[in-house]
């Protein structure tokens, strides 16, 4: 009765009619979303109740066909006979099962003993595996300890090498300072001054030849020949006598003689070495002897400027030595610092000038 009430329908046709009516309403009428959801939920519940209706009908038919007033003893007897048949069948099955087990044992022979041996060997293998794992763990632990020891030895060796390298670097720096201090004993502008002096000597060779050509005196030869002898006069001192007065003069000889006697400008021949010499001094190589005096003045100015630098260097040499050996400041580093300071000062001055503008 409770199941019948929970279902609410007596047959399946009623459920089908209700489902069709809901579907007709949804297809022909405009319903809200909420109501449509309720209709769909009701359809799903009706479909679930359909098998329950069939179950209720089956239960009703079984109750209607039940014979309540029959002989119970006869029913019990028939049930006992059926139970005896089942027991007999069970016994027969057990006999067949035992026969099959015996035949299986005969077929297997010594297999149970082999299986026992297999199980024993499996246990021994498991024990050996555990022992191997223990040995492997111990070996790995020892290996880790050994690697740790090697790492410590390597770190100590590395620290010692770093310390030795620092000591060598310190000694090298000290030697470098000593060499830099000893280098101050050498005059720093020797090459430049030597080059200027060599160039001046090269230029003075041309001025010396000009002076010697201009101031050369003619020397008379004293003759100590006996009386009555004659001496030939030099060709250039002879007075030529002609039967006819000459109408033309020797042009080439007269011109060349005039050029030589006048002592005019002479060209200077250069090679790659002399050009390189003047290029190092940042001066133009002289083309003629007239360029020599001005070039000598420029060379003397350069030599004087280097002499001034040498004088300043000689005054600062002892102080620079002291700063190198005591303070460890090299001249190159000091010059770089001074250049940086000067550059910063120039930048600040330019910035101030831009602000004022």
Protein backbone atom coordinates (compact mmCIF):
# COMPACT_ATOMS: atom_id res chain seq x y z
CA UNK A 1 0.00 0.00 0.00
CA UNK A 2 2.81 2.44 0.84
CA UNK A 3 4.54 1.73 -2.47
CA UNK A 4 1.30 2.17 -4.35
CA UNK A 5 0.67 5.52 -2.67
CA UNK A 6 4.18 6.74 -3.37
CA UNK A 7 3.80 5.91 -7.07
CA UNK A 8 0.42 7.69 -7.38
CA UNK A 9 -0.57 5.92 -10.62
CA UNK A 10 -2.20 2.51 -11.14
CA UNK A 11 -0.93 1.77 -14.70
CA UNK A 12 1.60 3.00 -17.18
CA UNK A 13 -0.97 4.53 -19.57
CA UNK A 14 -1.82 7.21 -17.01
CA UNK A 15 1.88 8.18 -16.78
CA UNK A 16 2.08 8.35 -20.59
CA UNK A 17 -1.04 10.51 -20.75
CA UNK A 18 0.38 12.93 -18.18
CA UNK A 19 3.69 13.19 -20.07
CA UNK A 20 1.85 13.89 -23.37
CA UNK A 21 -0.31 16.55 -21.76
CA UNK A 22 2.79 18.32 -20.33
CA UNK A 23 4.56 18.23 -23.68
CA UNK A 24 1.41 19.56 -25.43
CA UNK A 25 1.19 22.42 -22.96
CA UNK A 26 4.87 23.31 -23.43
CA UNK A 27 4.58 23.23 -27.22
CA UNK A 28 1.31 25.18 -27.58
CA UNK A 29 1.41 27.66 -24.70
CA UNK A 30 3.94 30.26 -23.64
CA UNK A 31 5.27 29.34 -20.22
CA UNK A 32 7.89 31.00 -18.04
CA UNK A 33 11.33 29.61 -17.56
CA UNK A 34 10.61 28.55 -14.01
CA UNK A 35 7.43 26.69 -15.00
CA UNK A 36 9.25 25.05 -17.90
CA UNK A 37 11.88 23.74 -15.48
CA UNK A 38 9.13 22.35 -13.23
CA UNK A 39 7.52 20.58 -16.22
CA UNK A 40 10.83 19.00 -17.21
CA UNK A 41 11.43 17.88 -13.64
CA UNK A 42 7.97 16.29 -13.47
CA UNK A 43 8.55 14.46 -16.76
CA UNK A 44 11.80 12.98 -15.46
CA UNK A 45 10.07 11.83 -12.22
CA UNK A 46 7.22 10.23 -14.20
CA UNK A 47 9.71 8.30 -16.31
CA UNK A 48 11.36 7.05 -13.13
CA UNK A 49 7.97 5.92 -11.66
CA UNK A 50 7.01 3.84 -14.69
CA UNK A 51 8.98 0.68 -13.63
CA UNK A 52 7.64 1.06 -10.08
CA UNK A 53 4.07 0.80 -11.47
CA UNK A 54 4.96 -2.49 -13.20
CA UNK A 55 6.48 -3.76 -9.95
CA UNK A 56 3.31 -2.92 -8.02
CA UNK A 57 1.20 -4.77 -10.58
CA UNK A 58 3.40 -7.89 -10.35
CA UNK A 59 3.13 -7.91 -6.58
CA UNK A 60 -0.65 -7.64 -6.77
CA UNK A 61 -0.94 -10.58 -9.20
CA UNK A 62 1.34 -12.75 -7.03
CA UNK A 63 -0.74 -12.05 -3.97
CA UNK A 64 -3.96 -12.82 -5.85
CA UNK A 65 -2.68 -16.25 -7.10
CA UNK A 66 -1.38 -17.40 -3.68
CA UNK A 67 -3.13 -20.43 -2.13
CA UNK A 68 -3.33 -19.77 1.59
CA UNK A 69 -5.47 -22.78 2.63
CA UNK A 70 -3.18 -25.66 1.18
CA UNK A 71 -1.65 -28.54 3.07
CA UNK A 72 1.54 -27.35 4.72
CA UNK A 73 2.85 -30.89 5.48
CA UNK A 74 2.70 -31.81 1.82
CA UNK A 75 4.55 -28.67 0.95
CA UNK A 76 7.24 -29.40 3.55
CA UNK A 77 7.61 -32.98 2.27
CA UNK A 78 8.05 -31.81 -1.30
CA UNK A 79 10.60 -29.27 -0.13
CA UNK A 80 12.53 -31.97 1.77
CA UNK A 81 12.56 -34.20 -1.31
CA UNK A 82 13.95 -31.35 -3.32
CA UNK A 83 16.61 -30.74 -0.64
CA UNK A 84 17.58 -34.42 -0.74
CA UNK A 85 18.00 -34.22 -4.48
CA UNK A 86 20.19 -31.17 -4.06
CA UNK A 87 22.31 -32.89 -1.41
CA UNK A 88 22.72 -35.94 -3.64
CA UNK A 89 23.82 -33.68 -6.49
CA UNK A 90 26.26 -31.88 -4.19
CA UNK A 91 27.77 -35.21 -3.08
CA UNK A 92 28.21 -36.32 -6.66
CA UNK A 93 29.88 -33.01 -7.49
CA UNK A 94 32.21 -33.37 -4.49
CA UNK A 95 33.16 -36.91 -5.58
CA UNK A 96 33.98 -35.64 -9.06
CA UNK A 97 35.94 -32.79 -7.52
CA UNK A 98 38.00 -35.14 -5.31
CA UNK A 99 38.65 -37.40 -8.34
CA UNK A 100 39.83 -34.40 -10.32
CA UNK A 101 42.06 -33.29 -7.45
CA UNK A 102 43.63 -36.78 -7.20
CA UNK A 103 44.27 -36.89 -10.94
CA UNK A 104 45.73 -33.37 -10.71
CA UNK A 105 48.08 -34.47 -7.94
CA UNK A 106 49.17 -37.46 -10.00
CA UNK A 107 49.84 -35.15 -12.96
CA UNK A 108 51.74 -32.62 -10.85
CA UNK A 109 53.93 -35.24 -9.20
CA UNK A 110 56.75 -33.45 -7.27
CA UNK A 111 55.46 -29.99 -8.14
CA UNK A 112 54.29 -29.17 -4.57
CA UNK A 113 57.80 -29.89 -3.27
CA UNK A 114 59.25 -27.76 -6.04
CA UNK A 115 56.85 -24.99 -5.13
CA UNK A 116 57.94 -25.28 -1.51
CA UNK A 117 61.56 -25.07 -2.61
CA UNK A 118 60.66 -22.08 -4.76
CA UNK A 119 59.07 -20.37 -1.79
CA UNK A 120 62.14 -21.11 0.36
CA UNK A 121 64.45 -19.81 -2.33
CA UNK A 122 62.26 -16.72 -2.69
CA UNK A 123 62.64 -16.07 1.01
CA UNK A 124 66.43 -16.50 0.76
CA UNK A 125 66.52 -14.16 -2.24
CA UNK A 126 64.54 -11.58 -0.28
CA UNK A 127 67.00 -11.86 2.60
CA UNK A 128 69.96 -11.51 0.23
CA UNK A 129 68.30 -8.49 -1.42
CA UNK A 130 67.91 -6.87 1.97
CA UNK A 131 71.57 -7.62 2.77
CA UNK A 132 72.62 -6.20 -0.62
CA UNK A 133 70.59 -3.05 -0.02
CA UNK A 134 72.18 -2.64 3.39
CA UNK A 135 75.68 -3.08 1.89
CA UNK A 136 74.84 -0.65 -0.92
CA UNK A 137 73.56 1.94 1.55
CA UNK A 138 76.72 1.52 3.62
CA UNK A 139 78.90 1.84 0.50
CA UNK A 140 77.07 4.97 -0.61
CA UNK A 141 77.47 6.49 2.84
CA UNK A 142 81.20 5.74 2.78
CA UNK A 143 81.38 7.14 -0.75
CA UNK A 144 79.66 10.35 0.39
CA UNK A 145 82.10 10.59 3.31
CA UNK A 146 85.03 10.07 0.93
CA UNK A 147 83.72 12.71 -1.46
CA UNK A 148 83.29 15.09 1.45
CA UNK A 149 86.88 14.41 2.48
CA UNK A 150 88.09 15.06 -1.10
CA UNK A 151 86.07 18.28 -1.20
CA UNK A 152 87.66 19.46 2.05
CA UNK A 153 91.16 18.59 0.78
CA UNK A 154 90.43 20.37 -2.50
CA UNK A 155 89.14 23.45 -0.68
CA UNK A 156 92.24 23.54 1.51
CA UNK A 157 94.51 23.15 -1.52
CA UNK A 158 92.62 25.86 -3.35
CA UNK A 159 92.82 28.21 -0.36
CA UNK A 160 96.55 27.54 -0.10
CA UNK A 161 97.00 28.16 -3.84
CA UNK A 162 95.06 31.43 -3.57
CA UNK A 163 97.19 32.50 -0.63
CA UNK A 164 100.42 31.66 -2.51
CA UNK A 165 99.14 33.45 -5.60
CA UNK A 166 98.32 36.52 -3.51
CA UNK A 167 101.82 36.43 -2.02
CA UNK A 168 103.36 36.11 -5.50
CA UNK A 169 101.17 38.95 -6.71
CA UNK A 170 102.25 41.04 -3.76
CA UNK A 171 105.92 40.33 -4.50
CA UNK A 172 105.38 41.05 -8.18
CA UNK A 173 103.67 44.34 -7.34
CA UNK A 174 106.57 45.26 -5.07
CA UNK A 175 109.06 44.41 -7.83
CA UNK A 176 106.98 46.41 -10.26
CA UNK A 177 107.13 49.42 -7.94
CA UNK A 178 110.90 48.99 -7.56
CA UNK A 179 111.33 48.79 -11.34
CA UNK A 180 109.12 51.84 -11.78
CA UNK A 181 111.23 53.72 -9.20
CA UNK A 182 114.47 52.60 -10.91
CA UNK A 183 113.03 53.64 -14.25
CA UNK A 184 112.78 57.20 -12.94
CA UNK A 185 116.60 57.33 -12.90
CA UNK A 186 116.47 57.26 -16.69
CA UNK A 187 115.78 60.54 -18.41
CA UNK A 188 112.28 60.15 -19.95
CA UNK A 189 112.84 62.29 -23.05
CA UNK A 190 116.15 60.83 -24.24
CA UNK A 191 114.75 59.47 -27.51
CA UNK A 192 112.94 62.69 -28.42
CA UNK A 193 115.90 64.92 -27.59
CA UNK A 194 118.33 62.63 -29.43
CA UNK A 195 116.08 62.67 -32.46
CA UNK A 196 115.92 66.48 -32.42
CA UNK A 197 119.70 66.76 -32.05
CA UNK A 198 120.28 64.33 -34.92
CA UNK A 199 117.86 66.27 -37.10
CA UNK A 200 119.57 69.55 -36.24
CA UNK A 201 122.94 68.00 -37.11
CA UNK A 202 121.48 66.78 -40.40
CA UNK A 203 120.20 70.26 -41.25
CA UNK A 204 123.44 71.97 -40.23
CA UNK A 205 125.37 69.89 -42.74
CA UNK A 206 123.66 71.82 -45.54
CA UNK A 207 124.33 75.23 -43.96
CA UNK A 208 128.01 74.26 -43.37
CA UNK A 209 128.51 73.40 -47.06
CA UNK A 210 127.03 76.74 -48.12
CA UNK A 211 129.33 78.67 -45.75
CA UNK A 212 132.41 76.83 -46.87
CA UNK A 213 131.57 77.44 -50.53
CA UNK A 214 131.01 81.18 -49.91
CA UNK A 215 134.09 81.82 -47.75
CA UNK A 216 136.56 79.69 -49.68
CA UNK A 217 139.63 81.73 -50.56
CA UNK A 218 141.77 81.31 -53.56
CA UNK A 219 145.26 80.27 -52.66
CA UNK A 220 148.24 81.25 -54.86
CA UNK A 221 150.85 78.68 -55.56
CA UNK A 222 154.48 79.64 -54.88
CA UNK A 223 156.73 78.44 -57.72
CA UNK A 224 160.34 77.47 -56.92
CA UNK A 225 161.41 76.55 -60.45
CA UNK A 226 164.96 77.40 -61.74
CA UNK A 227 165.54 80.41 -63.90
CA UNK A 228 164.67 80.16 -67.55
CA UNK A 229 161.82 77.63 -66.95
CA UNK A 230 158.19 78.35 -67.86
CA UNK A 231 155.05 77.35 -65.96
CA UNK A 232 151.71 76.81 -67.59
CA UNK A 233 148.90 78.90 -66.18
CA UNK A 234 145.63 77.30 -65.16
CA UNK A 235 143.16 77.06 -67.87
CA UNK A 236 140.62 79.38 -66.21
CA UNK A 237 143.36 82.08 -65.72
CA UNK A 238 144.55 82.08 -69.28
CA UNK A 239 143.81 84.98 -71.60
CA UNK A 240 142.58 83.35 -74.75
CA UNK A 241 143.82 84.79 -78.03
CA UNK A 242 141.70 84.36 -81.05
CA UNK A 243 142.52 85.09 -84.66
CA UNK A 244 138.92 86.13 -84.97
CA UNK A 245 136.74 87.71 -82.34
CA UNK A 246 134.23 85.06 -81.10
CA UNK A 247 130.62 85.89 -81.83
CA UNK A 248 128.96 83.50 -79.32
CA UNK A 249 129.65 82.32 -75.79
CA UNK A 250 129.28 78.91 -74.23
CA UNK A 251 125.91 79.12 -72.63
CA UNK A 252 125.92 76.01 -70.55
CA UNK A 253 129.29 76.56 -68.98
CA UNK A 254 128.68 80.24 -68.22
CA UNK A 255 125.34 79.53 -66.65
CA UNK A 256 126.61 76.73 -64.53
CA UNK A 257 129.62 78.80 -63.45
CA UNK A 258 127.39 81.73 -62.60
CA UNK A 259 125.17 79.53 -60.50
CA UNK A 260 128.12 78.09 -58.68
CA UNK A 261 129.80 81.43 -58.12
CA UNK A 262 126.62 83.09 -56.87
CA UNK A 263 126.00 80.39 -54.19
CA UNK A 264 122.19 80.31 -54.75
CA UNK A 265 119.56 77.93 -53.29
CA UNK A 266 120.21 74.23 -53.65
CA UNK A 267 117.61 71.45 -53.57
CA UNK A 268 117.84 68.82 -50.87
CA UNK A 269 117.47 65.17 -51.74
CA UNK A 270 115.54 62.98 -49.29
CA UNK A 271 114.98 59.28 -48.83
CA UNK A 272 112.50 57.27 -46.77
CA UNK A 273 114.66 57.55 -43.63
CA UNK A 274 114.84 61.35 -43.69
CA UNK A 275 111.13 61.68 -44.41
CA UNK A 276 110.43 59.36 -41.48
CA UNK A 277 112.74 61.48 -39.30
CA UNK A 278 110.80 64.69 -39.94
CA UNK A 279 107.44 62.90 -39.73
CA UNK A 280 108.27 61.69 -36.20
CA UNK A 281 108.95 65.31 -35.22
CA UNK A 282 105.69 66.44 -36.90
CA UNK A 283 107.60 68.83 -39.14
CA UNK A 284 107.71 69.30 -42.89
CA UNK A 285 110.91 68.05 -44.55
CA UNK A 286 112.97 70.92 -46.08
CA UNK A 287 112.91 70.97 -49.87
CA UNK A 288 115.68 73.53 -50.39
CA UNK A 289 118.49 74.98 -48.30
CA UNK A 290 116.45 78.15 -47.75
CA UNK A 291 114.06 76.14 -45.53
CA UNK A 292 116.86 75.16 -43.14
CA UNK A 293 117.02 78.29 -40.90
CA UNK A 294 113.30 78.31 -40.08
CA UNK A 295 113.38 74.57 -39.47
CA UNK A 296 116.34 74.94 -37.11
CA UNK A 297 114.42 77.53 -35.10
CA UNK A 298 111.48 75.12 -34.71
CA UNK A 299 113.82 72.33 -33.68
CA UNK A 300 115.51 74.56 -31.10
CA UNK A 301 112.07 75.47 -29.68
CA UNK A 302 111.19 71.80 -29.35
CA UNK A 303 114.54 71.06 -27.74
CA UNK A 304 114.04 73.93 -25.29
CA UNK A 305 110.55 72.63 -24.36
CA UNK A 306 112.01 69.19 -23.68
CA UNK A 307 114.76 70.76 -21.58
CA UNK A 308 112.07 72.46 -19.48
CA UNK A 309 110.28 69.11 -19.07
CA UNK A 310 113.53 67.43 -18.06
CA UNK A 311 114.12 70.13 -15.47
CA UNK A 312 110.64 69.62 -14.00
CA UNK A 313 111.18 65.86 -14.03
CA UNK A 314 114.50 66.18 -12.18
CA UNK A 315 112.84 68.35 -9.53
CA UNK A 316 109.95 65.88 -9.00
CA UNK A 317 111.96 62.66 -9.34
CA UNK A 318 112.72 62.07 -5.66
CA UNK A 319 109.13 62.84 -4.64
CA UNK A 320 107.83 60.49 -7.30
CA UNK A 321 110.16 57.75 -6.10
CA UNK A 322 108.94 58.21 -2.55
CA UNK A 323 105.28 58.04 -3.64
CA UNK A 324 105.93 54.91 -5.69
CA UNK A 325 107.80 53.00 -2.98
CA UNK A 326 105.77 54.16 0.04
CA UNK A 327 102.29 54.89 -1.31
CA UNK A 328 102.38 52.47 -4.26
CA UNK A 329 101.15 55.08 -6.75
CA UNK A 330 102.56 54.65 -10.26
CA UNK A 331 103.16 57.70 -12.49
CA UNK A 332 100.73 56.41 -15.14
CA UNK A 333 97.96 56.04 -12.55
CA UNK A 334 98.67 59.51 -11.20
CA UNK A 335 98.52 60.98 -14.72
CA UNK A 336 95.21 59.20 -15.34
CA UNK A 337 93.77 60.57 -12.11
CA UNK A 338 94.94 64.07 -12.98
CA UNK A 339 93.43 63.75 -16.47
CA UNK A 340 90.13 62.58 -14.97
CA UNK A 341 90.11 65.48 -12.52
CA UNK A 342 90.85 67.96 -15.30
CA UNK A 343 88.08 66.45 -17.44
CA UNK A 344 85.60 66.74 -14.56
CA UNK A 345 86.62 70.36 -14.00
CA UNK A 346 86.15 71.13 -17.69
CA UNK A 347 82.71 69.48 -17.71
CA UNK A 348 81.64 71.45 -14.64
CA UNK A 349 82.93 74.68 -16.21
CA UNK A 350 81.01 73.98 -19.41
CA UNK A 351 77.88 73.21 -17.42
CA UNK A 352 78.18 76.48 -15.48
CA UNK A 353 78.75 78.39 -18.71
CA UNK A 354 75.63 76.85 -20.25
CA UNK A 355 73.62 77.77 -17.17
CA UNK A 356 74.85 81.37 -17.36
CA UNK A 357 73.92 81.55 -21.05
